[in-house]
Amino acid sequence: MHIYFSGIGGAGIGPLAQIAYQAGYTVSGSDKQDSSYITYLRKHGITNIHIGQTDSEIRDLHDGHPIDWFVYTSALPLENPNAPELLFCKEQSIKMSKRDELLNVILKDKGLKLLAVAGTHGKTTTTAITTWLFSELTTPISYLLPAKTSFAEMGAFTPESEYFIYEADEFDRNFLAYEPAISVITGVSWDHHEIFPTREDYQAAFNDFIEQSLHTYVWEEDANYLGLEDRDEVTILDSADEHIGKISLLGQYNRLDAWLAIQAVHQATGAPFDELVAIASRFPGLSRRMELVRPSLYSDYAHTPEKIRGAMSVATEMAAESGQNLVVVYEPLTNRRQHYMLDDYIDCFDGATQLYWIPSYLAREDPGQRIIPPSELIEHLSDPSIATAMERDAALKSAIQKHLDAGDMVVCMAGGGGNSLDDWLHKEFDA
């Protein structure tokens, strides 16, 4: 079967293409722009990739080697329902789907059980720790990681594996396409408001996901939020469990994510909890999670109140250990989110001595919504005096450099991709 991946350089589509290639399918694809990850895919055997997503390019490819299945990101029809590749595949009656349908086919064809990580925040870290635990136990595993790590590829298919580890994202209700053998819920708080217009819609989707799972691990506070009761198919965990304190990772949120991963891997493998705690404590981390750019300067993916609190729990522990003042630069991800999150920021940045708030990274926006400026968002903090509205420009670079020269620790938080604060930071400060 020939599978064509549109947006093959993306963090969700690219690793799935790699998995499909390793599983024996013929793989090709396209992307708007070249990238280091596309170079990586080419070096690992997926050579039929073209840059540009035009009708002529996909038509020429199809004429030479007919495409059986066109896989695209959820964002493609939302951003451009008349995208040339979409229209061509409709014209040629080529099967089209998002990645979830293809992944289900691979799971079925290869006899894999799904170990799914879902939740509003903490999914990527928990998915990575779960993969790390399996790898350190030397238990064969297949997986898809949406972030780079030092210990694993972003996607891998292992013929001997029993389980496939997957970050089951609720965006566009993607996670409802699966029926996992084991699920963990990292935390639930209303998000993706363009997909889930009300809080009750969001809660209902998670309840449906749990009903589709053979067994689910969930925190007590989230179980209460979702109206769940402890039963054979659902294990409700106590976030004050004394075993969590034995996991020697920085940041309480990281320790909680690790405990969830340990629960899932214990069920899947039977490995003793003490051994799994020791392995989790050696977890080396992943990109965009307190990623060191240069001494005392870090980049983190935090972009919602819960993710910010998680990043702050790590950053404040690090700053306390080193005796440094903690400075934060924050770029919100999408203006759309800000209209729902205004009052949730209140205590997010507690522990920072200075906060620089820059304009939101815009993506998939509602043109009818007013752009909320940083100065207005700052007013919703419990202590607005710690924050300054700034632009991503030479003045911000100068401010960051002054803090580094003064011996401060600077953490830049941003959820966007290309041309985001993270992208800018690496261009301006990479050693």
Protein backbone atom coordinates (compact mmCIF):
# COMPACT_ATOMS: atom_id res chain seq x y z
CA MET A 1 0.00 0.00 0.00
CA HIS A 2 1.28 3.47 -0.97
CA ILE A 3 0.56 6.07 1.72
CA TYR A 4 1.07 9.78 1.03
CA PHE A 5 1.54 12.06 4.05
CA SER A 6 0.68 15.74 3.67
CA GLY A 7 2.65 17.85 6.16
CA ILE A 8 5.23 15.09 6.60
CA GLY A 9 7.62 17.44 8.38
CA GLY A 10 5.18 17.97 11.28
CA ALA A 11 5.58 16.50 14.75
CA GLY A 12 2.42 14.40 14.45
CA ILE A 13 2.55 13.30 10.81
CA GLY A 14 6.32 12.79 10.38
CA PRO A 15 6.80 10.13 13.06
CA LEU A 16 3.69 8.29 11.84
CA ALA A 17 5.20 8.25 8.33
CA GLN A 18 8.37 6.78 9.81
CA ILE A 19 6.35 4.10 11.62
CA ALA A 20 4.44 3.23 8.44
CA TYR A 21 7.73 2.92 6.53
CA GLN A 22 9.24 0.65 9.21
CA ALA A 23 6.04 -1.42 9.21
CA GLY A 24 6.53 -2.17 5.49
CA TYR A 25 4.27 0.32 3.71
CA THR A 26 5.38 2.47 0.75
CA VAL A 27 5.63 6.05 2.01
CA SER A 28 5.84 9.44 0.29
CA GLY A 29 4.79 12.95 1.24
CA SER A 30 5.02 16.70 1.04
CA ASP A 31 5.39 19.79 3.18
CA LYS A 32 5.15 23.54 2.75
CA GLN A 33 8.80 24.02 3.65
CA ASP A 34 12.00 22.05 4.09
CA SER A 35 13.25 21.31 7.60
CA SER A 36 15.83 19.38 9.54
CA TYR A 37 13.22 16.72 10.28
CA ILE A 38 12.53 16.16 6.58
CA THR A 39 16.29 15.77 6.10
CA TYR A 40 16.19 13.21 8.91
CA LEU A 41 13.34 11.27 7.26
CA ARG A 42 15.19 11.21 3.95
CA LYS A 43 18.31 9.84 5.63
CA HIS A 44 16.18 7.10 7.19
CA GLY A 45 14.72 5.83 3.94
CA ILE A 46 11.73 8.07 3.13
CA THR A 47 13.24 9.74 0.09
CA ASN A 48 10.10 10.53 -1.95
CA ILE A 49 9.31 13.87 -0.30
CA HIS A 50 8.70 17.11 -2.17
CA ILE A 51 8.56 20.66 -0.86
CA GLY A 52 5.48 22.52 -1.97
CA GLN A 53 1.94 21.17 -1.94
CA THR A 54 0.69 21.77 -5.47
CA ASP A 55 -1.65 19.84 -7.72
CA SER A 56 1.08 19.13 -10.29
CA GLU A 57 3.48 17.57 -7.79
CA ILE A 58 1.02 15.10 -6.29
CA ARG A 59 -0.42 14.37 -9.76
CA ASP A 60 3.03 13.47 -11.18
CA LEU A 61 3.73 11.23 -8.21
CA HIS A 62 0.36 9.50 -8.49
CA ASP A 63 0.87 8.90 -12.23
CA GLY A 64 4.17 7.16 -11.57
CA HIS A 65 3.13 5.21 -8.47
CA PRO A 66 -0.60 5.35 -7.63
CA ILE A 67 -1.42 6.62 -4.14
CA ASP A 68 -3.73 4.35 -2.12
CA TRP A 69 -4.16 6.53 0.96
CA PHE A 70 -3.77 10.27 1.59
CA VAL A 71 -3.13 11.16 5.26
CA TYR A 72 -3.36 14.78 6.40
CA THR A 73 -3.23 16.84 9.59
CA SER A 74 -6.40 18.05 11.28
CA ALA A 75 -5.28 21.61 10.54
CA LEU A 76 -5.25 21.19 6.72
CA PRO A 77 -9.01 21.32 5.98
CA LEU A 78 -9.48 23.93 8.70
CA GLU A 79 -6.86 26.24 7.23
CA ASN A 80 -7.65 25.58 3.56
CA PRO A 81 -10.58 23.31 2.62
CA ASN A 82 -9.62 23.85 -1.04
CA ALA A 83 -5.98 22.82 -0.64
CA PRO A 84 -4.70 21.48 -4.02
CA GLU A 85 -3.76 18.08 -2.59
CA LEU A 86 -7.18 17.63 -1.02
CA LEU A 87 -8.97 18.55 -4.24
CA PHE A 88 -6.76 16.23 -6.31
CA CYS A 89 -7.41 13.26 -4.02
CA LYS A 90 -11.16 13.89 -4.13
CA GLU A 91 -11.00 14.06 -7.92
CA GLN A 92 -9.08 10.76 -8.09
CA SER A 93 -11.25 9.06 -5.41
CA ILE A 94 -8.14 8.36 -3.32
CA LYS A 95 -8.89 7.32 0.25
CA MET A 96 -8.34 10.29 2.59
CA SER A 97 -8.19 10.45 6.35
CA LYS A 98 -6.55 12.05 9.33
CA ARG A 99 -3.78 10.11 11.04
CA ASP A 100 -6.07 8.32 13.52
CA GLU A 101 -7.68 6.02 10.95
CA LEU A 102 -4.30 4.95 9.55
CA LEU A 103 -2.87 4.32 12.99
CA ASN A 104 -5.84 2.11 13.84
CA VAL A 105 -5.17 0.07 10.69
CA ILE A 106 -1.49 -0.34 11.64
CA LEU A 107 -2.46 -1.40 15.17
CA LYS A 108 -4.87 -3.99 13.80
CA ASP A 109 -2.56 -5.26 11.06
CA LYS A 110 0.35 -5.70 13.46
CA GLY A 111 -1.66 -6.98 16.43
CA LEU A 112 -0.62 -4.14 18.76
CA LYS A 113 -2.38 -3.05 21.95
CA LEU A 114 -2.68 0.71 22.41
CA LEU A 115 -1.30 2.39 25.53
CA ALA A 116 -2.75 5.89 25.25
CA VAL A 117 -1.79 9.06 27.11
CA ALA A 118 -4.55 11.68 27.13
CA GLY A 119 -5.17 14.92 28.99
CA THR A 120 -5.12 18.68 28.64
CA HIS A 121 -1.54 19.01 29.83
CA GLY A 122 1.43 16.74 30.56
CA LYS A 123 0.72 14.32 27.68
CA THR A 124 4.07 14.62 25.93
CA THR A 125 6.15 14.29 29.08
CA THR A 126 4.12 11.28 30.26
CA THR A 127 4.35 9.65 26.82
CA ALA A 128 8.12 10.14 26.81
CA ILE A 129 8.56 8.77 30.34
CA THR A 130 6.44 5.73 29.44
CA THR A 131 8.65 5.09 26.40
CA TRP A 132 11.77 5.56 28.55
CA LEU A 133 10.53 3.00 31.10
CA PHE A 134 9.94 0.35 28.41
CA SER A 135 13.31 1.04 26.79
CA GLU A 136 15.20 0.79 30.09
CA LEU A 137 13.40 -2.47 30.89
CA THR A 138 14.56 -3.64 27.41
CA THR A 139 10.96 -4.57 26.64
CA PRO A 140 10.21 -4.28 22.89
CA ILE A 141 7.90 -1.34 22.24
CA SER A 142 6.46 0.64 19.34
CA TYR A 143 5.60 4.28 19.87
CA LEU A 144 5.02 7.76 18.49
CA LEU A 145 6.68 10.64 20.35
CA PRO A 146 5.63 14.22 19.51
CA ALA A 147 8.94 15.66 20.80
CA LYS A 148 12.63 14.96 20.38
CA THR A 149 14.52 13.06 23.06
CA SER A 150 18.09 11.87 23.57
CA PHE A 151 17.06 8.23 24.04
CA ALA A 152 14.53 7.46 21.29
CA GLU A 153 13.48 8.30 17.76
CA MET A 154 10.25 10.27 17.39
CA GLY A 155 8.52 7.22 15.93
CA ALA A 156 9.36 3.52 15.85
CA PHE A 157 7.75 0.22 14.95
CA THR A 158 9.21 -2.91 16.55
CA PRO A 159 7.80 -6.21 15.21
CA GLU A 160 8.27 -7.96 18.58
CA SER A 161 6.35 -5.35 20.57
CA GLU A 162 3.03 -6.01 22.29
CA TYR A 163 2.12 -2.36 22.96
CA PHE A 164 2.08 0.87 20.99
CA ILE A 165 2.51 4.05 23.06
CA TYR A 166 0.62 7.06 21.74
CA GLU A 167 -0.22 10.60 22.83
CA ALA A 168 -3.98 10.66 22.24
CA ASP A 169 -4.80 14.31 21.58
CA GLU A 170 -8.32 15.58 22.17
CA PHE A 171 -8.01 18.31 19.50
CA ASP A 172 -10.64 17.73 16.80
CA ARG A 173 -11.81 14.80 18.99
CA ASN A 174 -8.97 12.68 17.58
CA PHE A 175 -8.65 10.53 20.70
CA LEU A 176 -12.19 9.24 20.26
CA ALA A 177 -11.00 7.20 17.25
CA TYR A 178 -9.23 4.72 19.55
CA GLU A 179 -10.07 1.90 21.94
CA PRO A 180 -6.96 1.66 24.14
CA ALA A 181 -6.01 -1.33 26.24
CA ILE A 182 -4.52 1.04 28.82
CA SER A 183 -5.16 4.77 29.15
CA VAL A 184 -3.76 7.37 31.50
CA ILE A 185 -5.32 10.82 31.97
CA THR A 186 -2.74 13.43 32.89
CA GLY A 187 -5.17 16.19 33.81
CA VAL A 188 -8.38 17.72 32.50
CA SER A 189 -9.23 21.40 32.15
CA TRP A 190 -11.33 22.93 29.37
CA ASP A 191 -9.31 23.67 26.21
CA HIS A 192 -9.65 23.77 22.40
CA HIS A 193 -12.74 25.93 22.71
CA GLU A 194 -13.29 26.05 18.95
CA ILE A 195 -13.87 22.27 19.04
CA PHE A 196 -15.59 22.08 22.44
CA PRO A 197 -17.86 25.15 22.78
CA THR A 198 -18.71 24.40 26.41
CA ARG A 199 -16.93 22.92 29.40
CA GLU A 200 -19.54 20.15 29.44
CA ASP A 201 -18.65 19.21 25.82
CA TYR A 202 -15.02 18.81 26.84
CA GLN A 203 -15.87 16.72 29.89
CA ALA A 204 -18.21 14.50 27.84
CA ALA A 205 -15.44 13.79 25.31
CA PHE A 206 -13.09 12.60 28.06
CA ASN A 207 -15.80 10.45 29.58
CA ASP A 208 -16.41 8.87 26.15
CA PHE A 209 -12.67 8.22 25.79
CA ILE A 210 -12.56 6.52 29.19
CA GLU A 211 -15.56 4.37 28.28
CA GLN A 212 -13.71 3.26 25.14
CA SER A 213 -10.64 2.22 27.17
CA LEU A 214 -10.28 -1.20 28.77
CA HIS A 215 -8.53 0.34 31.78
CA THR A 216 -7.85 3.95 32.75
CA TYR A 217 -5.68 5.61 35.40
CA VAL A 218 -6.86 9.07 36.47
CA TRP A 219 -6.12 11.49 39.31
CA GLU A 220 -8.75 11.91 42.01
CA GLU A 221 -9.27 15.62 41.24
CA ASP A 222 -9.87 14.83 37.56
CA ALA A 223 -12.17 11.94 38.43
CA ASN A 224 -14.24 14.37 40.51
CA TYR A 225 -14.23 16.90 37.67
CA LEU A 226 -15.48 14.23 35.25
CA GLY A 227 -17.90 12.62 37.70
CA LEU A 228 -16.08 9.26 37.69
CA GLU A 229 -16.25 6.55 40.32
CA ASP A 230 -13.58 3.97 41.15
CA ARG A 231 -14.49 0.72 39.40
CA ASP A 232 -12.78 -2.28 37.83
CA GLU A 233 -12.08 -0.38 34.60
CA VAL A 234 -10.96 2.87 36.30
CA THR A 235 -8.20 3.31 38.89
CA ILE A 236 -8.37 6.65 40.72
CA LEU A 237 -4.98 7.82 41.97
CA ASP A 238 -4.13 10.03 44.95
CA SER A 239 -1.77 12.89 44.01
CA ALA A 240 -0.54 12.89 47.64
CA ASP A 241 0.64 9.25 47.43
CA GLU A 242 3.91 8.98 49.35
CA HIS A 243 5.54 7.00 46.53
CA ILE A 244 5.46 10.08 44.26
CA GLY A 245 7.97 11.80 46.54
CA LYS A 246 10.43 8.98 45.92
CA ILE A 247 10.71 9.95 42.24
CA SER A 248 13.72 12.26 42.09
CA LEU A 249 12.71 14.44 39.13
CA LEU A 250 12.62 18.21 39.38
CA GLY A 251 9.10 19.64 39.49
CA GLN A 252 6.02 18.20 41.18
CA TYR A 253 4.15 18.01 37.86
CA ASN A 254 6.96 15.92 36.36
CA ARG A 255 6.80 13.57 39.34
CA LEU A 256 3.04 13.22 38.92
CA ASP A 257 3.46 12.48 35.19
CA ALA A 258 6.08 9.86 36.03
CA TRP A 259 3.78 8.15 38.54
CA LEU A 260 1.07 7.85 35.89
CA ALA A 261 3.60 6.33 33.47
CA ILE A 262 4.74 3.90 36.16
CA GLN A 263 1.16 2.73 36.73
CA ALA A 264 0.68 1.97 33.04
CA VAL A 265 4.02 0.22 32.58
CA HIS A 266 3.51 -1.83 35.75
CA GLN A 267 0.19 -3.09 34.36
CA ALA A 268 1.70 -3.82 30.93
CA THR A 269 4.90 -5.54 32.09
CA GLY A 270 4.51 -6.50 35.75
CA ALA A 271 7.77 -4.73 36.57
CA PRO A 272 8.04 -3.89 40.32
CA PHE A 273 7.12 -0.36 41.37
CA ASP A 274 10.47 0.21 43.12
CA GLU A 275 12.36 -0.64 39.92
CA LEU A 276 10.11 1.64 37.85
CA VAL A 277 10.52 4.52 40.33
CA ALA A 278 14.31 4.18 40.06
CA ILE A 279 14.16 4.15 36.25
CA ALA A 280 11.77 7.13 36.10
CA SER A 281 14.13 9.08 38.35
CA ARG A 282 16.82 8.78 35.65
CA PHE A 283 14.55 10.19 32.92
CA PRO A 284 16.78 12.50 30.82
CA GLY A 285 14.03 14.87 29.65
CA LEU A 286 12.88 15.98 26.21
CA SER A 287 13.15 18.96 23.91
CA ARG A 288 11.17 22.14 24.62
CA ARG A 289 10.84 21.14 28.30
CA MET A 290 13.29 23.30 30.26
CA GLU A 291 15.61 22.98 27.27
CA LEU A 292 18.95 24.68 27.86
CA VAL A 293 19.70 27.25 25.15
CA ARG A 294 22.80 28.65 26.82
CA PRO A 295 23.87 28.82 30.50
CA SER A 296 20.92 30.04 32.63
CA LEU A 297 18.66 30.51 29.58
CA TYR A 298 15.89 27.95 28.97
CA SER A 299 13.02 27.33 26.56
CA ASP A 300 9.82 25.57 27.60
CA TYR A 301 6.63 24.57 25.76
CA ALA A 302 4.30 25.91 28.49
CA HIS A 303 1.34 27.81 26.99
CA THR A 304 -1.73 27.11 29.14
CA PRO A 305 -2.17 27.86 32.85
CA GLU A 306 -1.67 24.22 33.80
CA LYS A 307 1.44 23.86 31.62
CA ILE A 308 2.79 27.15 33.00
CA ARG A 309 2.33 25.94 36.58
CA GLY A 310 4.12 22.72 35.64
CA ALA A 311 7.05 24.61 34.12
CA MET A 312 7.15 26.99 37.07
CA SER A 313 7.29 24.07 39.52
CA VAL A 314 10.49 22.92 37.80
CA ALA A 315 11.95 26.39 37.30
CA THR A 316 11.43 27.53 40.89
CA GLU A 317 13.12 24.37 42.21
CA MET A 318 16.05 24.92 39.83
CA ALA A 319 16.36 28.60 40.74
CA ALA A 320 16.21 27.81 44.46
CA GLU A 321 18.97 25.21 44.11
CA SER A 322 21.22 27.63 42.22
CA GLY A 323 20.32 30.72 44.27
CA GLN A 324 19.22 32.67 41.19
CA ASN A 325 16.36 35.08 40.59
CA LEU A 326 13.80 33.61 38.18
CA VAL A 327 12.82 35.70 35.13
CA VAL A 328 10.11 34.53 32.72
CA VAL A 329 9.34 35.56 29.14
CA TYR A 330 5.89 34.42 28.01
CA GLU A 331 4.33 34.18 24.55
CA PRO A 332 0.73 32.85 24.65
CA LEU A 333 -0.31 30.36 21.98
CA THR A 334 -3.29 31.73 19.99
CA ASN A 335 -5.36 34.79 20.73
CA ARG A 336 -8.45 32.57 20.65
CA ARG A 337 -7.39 30.78 23.83
CA GLN A 338 -6.83 34.04 25.69
CA HIS A 339 -10.52 34.95 25.55
CA TYR A 340 -11.23 31.88 27.71
CA MET A 341 -8.14 31.90 29.93
CA LEU A 342 -8.01 35.48 31.21
CA ASP A 343 -8.86 34.74 34.83
CA ASP A 344 -6.89 31.48 34.97
CA TYR A 345 -3.54 33.28 34.83
CA ILE A 346 -3.98 34.76 38.30
CA ASP A 347 -1.20 32.85 40.13
CA CYS A 348 0.53 31.06 37.24
CA PHE A 349 3.78 32.99 37.47
CA ASP A 350 4.12 33.03 41.27
CA GLY A 351 7.81 32.66 42.09
CA ALA A 352 9.06 34.82 39.21
CA THR A 353 10.80 38.08 40.13
CA GLN A 354 10.16 39.52 36.65
CA LEU A 355 7.80 38.58 33.80
CA TYR A 356 8.00 39.87 30.22
CA TRP A 357 4.72 39.25 28.36
CA ILE A 358 4.82 39.47 24.55
CA PRO A 359 1.98 39.29 21.97
CA SER A 360 0.24 35.99 21.32
CA TYR A 361 1.45 33.61 18.61
CA LEU A 362 -1.41 33.54 16.12
CA ALA A 363 -2.69 30.29 14.56
CA ARG A 364 -6.15 29.05 13.52
CA GLU A 365 -7.68 32.31 14.80
CA ASP A 366 -11.28 33.46 14.75
CA PRO A 367 -11.19 36.64 12.63
CA GLY A 368 -14.14 37.97 14.58
CA GLN A 369 -12.28 38.01 17.89
CA ARG A 370 -10.43 41.07 19.11
CA ILE A 371 -6.68 40.60 19.63
CA ILE A 372 -6.07 40.97 23.37
CA PRO A 373 -2.80 42.89 24.01
CA PRO A 374 -0.27 41.77 26.66
CA SER A 375 -0.99 44.85 28.81
CA GLU A 376 -4.59 43.74 29.22
CA LEU A 377 -3.71 40.11 29.95
CA ILE A 378 -1.23 41.23 32.61
CA GLU A 379 -4.04 42.95 34.51
CA HIS A 380 -5.48 39.53 35.36
CA LEU A 381 -2.43 38.49 37.41
CA SER A 382 -2.68 38.58 41.20
CA ASP A 383 0.43 40.81 41.15
CA PRO A 384 0.59 42.72 37.84
CA SER A 385 3.59 44.72 39.10
CA ILE A 386 5.99 41.85 38.27
CA ALA A 387 5.06 41.98 34.56
CA THR A 388 6.05 44.20 31.65
CA ALA A 389 4.45 44.15 28.19
CA MET A 390 7.07 43.87 25.45
CA GLU A 391 7.52 42.93 21.81
CA ARG A 392 9.76 40.18 20.45
CA ASP A 393 12.48 42.56 19.28
CA ALA A 394 15.93 43.97 20.02
CA ALA A 395 14.69 45.52 23.28
CA LEU A 396 13.60 42.09 24.54
CA LYS A 397 16.92 40.56 23.54
CA SER A 398 18.72 43.30 25.43
CA ALA A 399 16.55 42.77 28.53
CA ILE A 400 17.23 39.01 28.50
CA GLN A 401 20.97 39.59 28.10
CA LYS A 402 21.02 42.03 31.03
CA HIS A 403 19.38 39.43 33.26
CA LEU A 404 21.85 36.77 32.15
CA ASP A 405 24.75 39.16 32.82
CA ALA A 406 23.31 39.79 36.29
CA GLY A 407 23.32 36.06 37.05
CA ASP A 408 19.55 35.53 36.77
CA MET A 409 17.84 32.41 35.40
CA VAL A 410 15.64 33.18 32.38
CA VAL A 411 12.89 30.81 31.19
CA CYS A 412 11.10 31.54 27.91
CA MET A 413 7.68 29.90 27.60
CA ALA A 414 6.01 29.49 24.20
CA GLY A 415 3.81 26.90 22.51
CA GLY A 416 4.18 28.03 18.91
CA GLY A 417 6.32 26.49 16.18
CA GLY A 418 8.08 28.31 13.34
CA ASN A 419 8.70 32.00 14.02
CA SER A 420 7.66 31.61 17.64
CA LEU A 421 9.49 32.88 20.72
CA ASP A 422 11.32 29.53 20.89
CA ASP A 423 12.44 29.84 17.27
CA TRP A 424 13.56 33.44 17.83
CA LEU A 425 15.36 32.52 21.05
CA HIS A 426 17.50 29.86 19.35
CA LYS A 427 18.38 32.21 16.49
CA GLU A 428 19.38 35.04 18.82
CA PHE A 429 21.04 33.15 21.67
CA ASP A 430 22.28 29.73 20.53
CA ALA A 431 25.85 29.41 21.74
